[in-house]
Every structure is written in C-alpha cells, then in structure tokens.
Amino acid sequence: MSQLPHTSTGYEHQVNKLNPKKLLNSKWTALNPQNKELHFIVVKLIESEEQEGKIEGCLLQSVMHKTDYEIACSDLKDSSAWQQGWK
C-alpha cells in the first residue's frame, strides 16, 4: 500500500465538506497528481480503534493504476489538494 504525499501548504484555503455516510464510493480528483494518478474512488472506510463508529481514515484507489492509498479522511477536506468528483 502506498502513501500519498501530504500536500498542506500552510496557507488559508477552502475546506471540502465531508459527510461520513456518503464518503464510501465517492469520487475525488487530486489537484497535485502523482504518477499520472488524477482520479480516485473511496473503496474502504477505516474506523477508529478508540471510538467505535468514528471514521478516521479511508482507502483511496486510483482509477488509472488501481493502486490503493490510505489517508486520513480529514486530508480530503483540503480543497487545495482534493476536489470532490472527477474533473
């Protein structure tokens, strides 16, 4: 399993809104693509071990290469790195 680079710039930016109930199977576009991987689907939600029912991570799968990436769901809120839907 690969890791996507953390893309926080430290500058103020807009925040994508996330609904945990609709996150599974949602589509995302990376605004700073690596290895030509631009489009992703959330294929699995990762629950917190400490708090039952709390989603803290998700598994993204690249559409192009079918590579899996585990990221914190909060990373998808960064609108300078991720855009909801395929653009």
N, C-alpha and C. Protein backbone atom coordinates (compact mmCIF):
# COMPACT_ATOMS: atom_id res chain seq x y z
N MET A 1 0.84 -1.16 0.00
CA MET A 1 0.00 0.00 0.00
C MET A 1 0.89 1.23 0.00
N SER A 2 0.59 2.19 -0.85
CA SER A 2 1.41 3.38 -1.00
C SER A 2 0.85 4.52 -0.17
N GLN A 3 1.64 5.54 0.01
CA GLN A 3 1.22 6.74 0.74
C GLN A 3 1.19 7.91 -0.23
N LEU A 4 0.11 8.67 -0.22
CA LEU A 4 0.06 9.90 -0.99
C LEU A 4 0.80 10.96 -0.21
N PRO A 5 1.52 11.84 -0.89
CA PRO A 5 2.24 12.89 -0.16
C PRO A 5 1.26 13.86 0.48
N HIS A 6 1.61 14.34 1.69
CA HIS A 6 0.80 15.34 2.36
C HIS A 6 1.01 16.65 1.63
N THR A 7 -0.06 17.32 1.26
CA THR A 7 0.06 18.47 0.39
C THR A 7 -0.31 19.78 1.07
N SER A 8 -0.37 19.82 2.39
CA SER A 8 -0.73 21.04 3.08
C SER A 8 0.33 22.11 2.83
N THR A 9 -0.13 23.29 2.48
CA THR A 9 0.79 24.38 2.16
C THR A 9 0.97 25.34 3.32
N GLY A 10 0.10 25.27 4.33
CA GLY A 10 0.18 26.20 5.43
C GLY A 10 -0.59 27.48 5.17
N TYR A 11 -1.10 27.69 3.97
CA TYR A 11 -1.87 28.88 3.64
C TYR A 11 -3.34 28.61 3.90
N GLU A 12 -4.09 29.69 4.09
CA GLU A 12 -5.53 29.56 4.26
C GLU A 12 -6.14 29.04 2.96
N HIS A 13 -7.08 28.12 3.07
CA HIS A 13 -7.74 27.57 1.89
C HIS A 13 -9.13 27.13 2.26
N GLN A 14 -9.94 26.88 1.26
CA GLN A 14 -11.30 26.42 1.50
C GLN A 14 -11.28 24.98 1.99
N VAL A 15 -12.36 24.60 2.65
CA VAL A 15 -12.47 23.26 3.18
C VAL A 15 -13.61 22.53 2.48
N ASN A 16 -13.30 21.34 1.93
CA ASN A 16 -14.34 20.49 1.36
C ASN A 16 -15.19 19.95 2.50
N LYS A 17 -16.49 19.89 2.31
CA LYS A 17 -17.38 19.34 3.33
C LYS A 17 -17.49 17.84 3.11
N LEU A 18 -17.40 17.08 4.22
CA LEU A 18 -17.49 15.62 4.13
C LEU A 18 -18.68 15.12 4.92
N ASN A 19 -19.43 14.21 4.34
CA ASN A 19 -20.50 13.52 5.03
C ASN A 19 -20.05 12.07 5.14
N PRO A 20 -19.71 11.60 6.36
CA PRO A 20 -19.20 10.23 6.51
C PRO A 20 -20.13 9.16 5.94
N LYS A 21 -21.43 9.42 5.95
CA LYS A 21 -22.38 8.44 5.43
C LYS A 21 -22.32 8.33 3.91
N LYS A 22 -21.82 9.36 3.23
CA LYS A 22 -21.76 9.37 1.77
C LYS A 22 -20.34 9.25 1.25
N LEU A 23 -19.37 9.07 2.15
CA LEU A 23 -17.96 9.06 1.75
C LEU A 23 -17.58 7.79 0.98
N LEU A 24 -18.10 6.63 1.40
CA LEU A 24 -17.77 5.38 0.72
C LEU A 24 -18.25 5.43 -0.73
N ASN A 25 -17.39 5.04 -1.65
CA ASN A 25 -17.63 5.03 -3.09
C ASN A 25 -17.70 6.43 -3.71
N SER A 26 -17.32 7.46 -2.95
CA SER A 26 -17.30 8.80 -3.52
C SER A 26 -16.07 8.96 -4.42
N LYS A 27 -16.15 9.89 -5.35
CA LYS A 27 -15.10 10.11 -6.34
C LYS A 27 -14.37 11.41 -6.02
N TRP A 28 -13.03 11.40 -6.22
CA TRP A 28 -12.19 12.55 -5.89
C TRP A 28 -11.16 12.77 -6.98
N THR A 29 -10.80 14.04 -7.18
CA THR A 29 -9.77 14.42 -8.13
C THR A 29 -8.61 15.03 -7.35
N ALA A 30 -7.40 14.51 -7.57
CA ALA A 30 -6.20 15.07 -6.96
C ALA A 30 -5.79 16.30 -7.75
N LEU A 31 -5.59 17.42 -7.06
CA LEU A 31 -5.20 18.64 -7.74
C LEU A 31 -3.69 18.71 -7.97
N ASN A 32 -2.94 17.85 -7.30
CA ASN A 32 -1.48 17.74 -7.49
C ASN A 32 -1.16 16.27 -7.77
N PRO A 33 -1.54 15.76 -8.95
CA PRO A 33 -1.41 14.32 -9.22
C PRO A 33 0.04 13.84 -9.22
N GLN A 34 0.21 12.62 -8.73
CA GLN A 34 1.49 11.93 -8.74
C GLN A 34 1.35 10.71 -9.65
N ASN A 35 2.36 10.39 -10.43
CA ASN A 35 2.35 9.21 -11.31
C ASN A 35 1.14 9.18 -12.23
N LYS A 36 0.70 10.33 -12.69
CA LYS A 36 -0.45 10.46 -13.59
C LYS A 36 -1.75 9.95 -12.97
N GLU A 37 -1.77 9.78 -11.65
CA GLU A 37 -2.98 9.33 -10.97
C GLU A 37 -3.78 10.57 -10.55
N LEU A 38 -4.86 10.81 -11.25
CA LEU A 38 -5.66 12.01 -11.07
C LEU A 38 -6.98 11.70 -10.38
N HIS A 39 -7.62 10.61 -10.76
CA HIS A 39 -8.95 10.27 -10.25
C HIS A 39 -8.89 9.10 -9.27
N PHE A 40 -9.69 9.22 -8.19
CA PHE A 40 -9.70 8.22 -7.12
C PHE A 40 -11.12 7.94 -6.67
N ILE A 41 -11.30 6.74 -6.12
CA ILE A 41 -12.57 6.34 -5.51
C ILE A 41 -12.26 5.88 -4.08
N VAL A 42 -13.13 6.28 -3.13
CA VAL A 42 -13.00 5.81 -1.75
C VAL A 42 -13.58 4.39 -1.72
N VAL A 43 -12.72 3.39 -1.50
CA VAL A 43 -13.16 1.99 -1.55
C VAL A 43 -13.35 1.37 -0.17
N LYS A 44 -12.84 2.04 0.89
CA LYS A 44 -13.00 1.49 2.23
C LYS A 44 -12.86 2.62 3.24
N LEU A 45 -13.66 2.55 4.31
CA LEU A 45 -13.56 3.49 5.41
C LEU A 45 -12.88 2.79 6.58
N ILE A 46 -12.02 3.51 7.28
CA ILE A 46 -11.26 2.93 8.39
C ILE A 46 -11.76 3.56 9.68
N GLU A 47 -12.30 2.71 10.57
CA GLU A 47 -12.85 3.19 11.85
C GLU A 47 -11.75 3.35 12.88
N SER A 48 -11.98 4.28 13.79
CA SER A 48 -11.07 4.50 14.91
C SER A 48 -11.10 3.29 15.84
N GLU A 49 -9.94 2.89 16.34
CA GLU A 49 -9.89 1.78 17.29
C GLU A 49 -10.36 2.23 18.67
N GLU A 50 -10.22 3.53 18.98
CA GLU A 50 -10.61 4.05 20.29
C GLU A 50 -12.10 4.37 20.37
N GLN A 51 -12.66 4.93 19.30
CA GLN A 51 -14.06 5.34 19.29
C GLN A 51 -14.82 4.56 18.24
N GLU A 52 -15.68 3.68 18.69
CA GLU A 52 -16.47 2.87 17.75
C GLU A 52 -17.39 3.77 16.93
N GLY A 53 -17.42 3.54 15.64
CA GLY A 53 -18.27 4.30 14.74
C GLY A 53 -17.65 5.57 14.20
N LYS A 54 -16.50 5.98 14.73
CA LYS A 54 -15.84 7.20 14.24
C LYS A 54 -14.92 6.83 13.08
N ILE A 55 -15.09 7.48 11.94
CA ILE A 55 -14.27 7.23 10.75
C ILE A 55 -13.06 8.16 10.82
N GLU A 56 -11.86 7.59 10.77
CA GLU A 56 -10.67 8.43 10.81
C GLU A 56 -9.80 8.31 9.57
N GLY A 57 -10.02 7.28 8.80
CA GLY A 57 -9.21 7.11 7.60
C GLY A 57 -10.03 6.54 6.47
N CYS A 58 -9.46 6.58 5.28
CA CYS A 58 -10.13 5.95 4.15
C CYS A 58 -9.08 5.42 3.19
N LEU A 59 -9.49 4.44 2.44
CA LEU A 59 -8.63 3.83 1.43
C LEU A 59 -9.09 4.34 0.07
N LEU A 60 -8.20 5.07 -0.59
CA LEU A 60 -8.48 5.57 -1.93
C LEU A 60 -7.85 4.63 -2.94
N GLN A 61 -8.53 4.40 -4.04
CA GLN A 61 -7.97 3.59 -5.11
C GLN A 61 -7.90 4.45 -6.37
N SER A 62 -6.73 4.49 -6.98
CA SER A 62 -6.57 5.25 -8.21
C SER A 62 -7.31 4.52 -9.34
N VAL A 63 -7.99 5.29 -10.15
CA VAL A 63 -8.75 4.71 -11.26
C VAL A 63 -7.80 4.18 -12.32
N MET A 64 -6.70 4.90 -12.55
CA MET A 64 -5.79 4.53 -13.63
C MET A 64 -4.99 3.26 -13.34
N HIS A 65 -4.35 3.19 -12.18
CA HIS A 65 -3.45 2.08 -11.88
C HIS A 65 -3.99 1.09 -10.85
N LYS A 66 -5.16 1.37 -10.28
CA LYS A 66 -5.76 0.52 -9.25
C LYS A 66 -4.87 0.40 -8.01
N THR A 67 -4.05 1.43 -7.76
CA THR A 67 -3.19 1.47 -6.59
C THR A 67 -3.99 1.99 -5.40
N ASP A 68 -3.82 1.36 -4.23
CA ASP A 68 -4.52 1.78 -3.02
C ASP A 68 -3.65 2.72 -2.19
N TYR A 69 -4.28 3.75 -1.63
CA TYR A 69 -3.61 4.71 -0.77
C TYR A 69 -4.45 4.91 0.49
N GLU A 70 -3.85 4.75 1.64
CA GLU A 70 -4.55 5.00 2.89
C GLU A 70 -4.24 6.43 3.34
N ILE A 71 -5.31 7.22 3.56
CA ILE A 71 -5.12 8.59 4.01
C ILE A 71 -6.10 8.88 5.14
N ALA A 72 -5.85 9.95 5.87
CA ALA A 72 -6.81 10.43 6.86
C ALA A 72 -7.95 11.09 6.11
N CYS A 73 -9.17 10.80 6.51
CA CYS A 73 -10.32 11.40 5.82
C CYS A 73 -10.25 12.92 5.88
N SER A 74 -9.67 13.45 6.93
CA SER A 74 -9.57 14.90 7.06
C SER A 74 -8.71 15.50 5.94
N ASP A 75 -7.81 14.72 5.33
CA ASP A 75 -7.00 15.22 4.22
C ASP A 75 -7.87 15.60 3.02
N LEU A 76 -9.01 14.93 2.86
CA LEU A 76 -9.91 15.23 1.74
C LEU A 76 -10.59 16.59 1.90
N LYS A 77 -10.56 17.14 3.10
CA LYS A 77 -11.15 18.46 3.33
C LYS A 77 -10.30 19.58 2.74
N ASP A 78 -9.05 19.29 2.43
CA ASP A 78 -8.13 20.29 1.90
C ASP A 78 -8.44 20.55 0.42
N SER A 79 -9.14 21.65 0.15
CA SER A 79 -9.56 21.94 -1.22
C SER A 79 -8.41 22.38 -2.12
N SER A 80 -7.23 22.61 -1.56
CA SER A 80 -6.08 22.93 -2.41
C SER A 80 -5.41 21.65 -2.92
N ALA A 81 -5.79 20.49 -2.35
CA ALA A 81 -5.23 19.21 -2.76
C ALA A 81 -6.27 18.29 -3.39
N TRP A 82 -7.54 18.39 -2.97
CA TRP A 82 -8.58 17.47 -3.43
C TRP A 82 -9.82 18.23 -3.86
N GLN A 83 -10.46 17.71 -4.90
CA GLN A 83 -11.72 18.25 -5.37
C GLN A 83 -12.71 17.09 -5.46
N GLN A 84 -13.89 17.29 -4.91
CA GLN A 84 -14.89 16.23 -4.93
C GLN A 84 -15.42 16.04 -6.34
N GLY A 85 -15.55 14.80 -6.76
CA GLY A 85 -15.99 14.47 -8.11
C GLY A 85 -14.79 14.35 -9.03
N TRP A 86 -15.04 13.96 -10.26
CA TRP A 86 -13.98 13.84 -11.26
C TRP A 86 -14.03 15.04 -12.18
N LYS A 87 -12.95 15.78 -12.21
CA LYS A 87 -12.89 17.00 -13.02
C LYS A 87 -11.88 16.83 -14.12
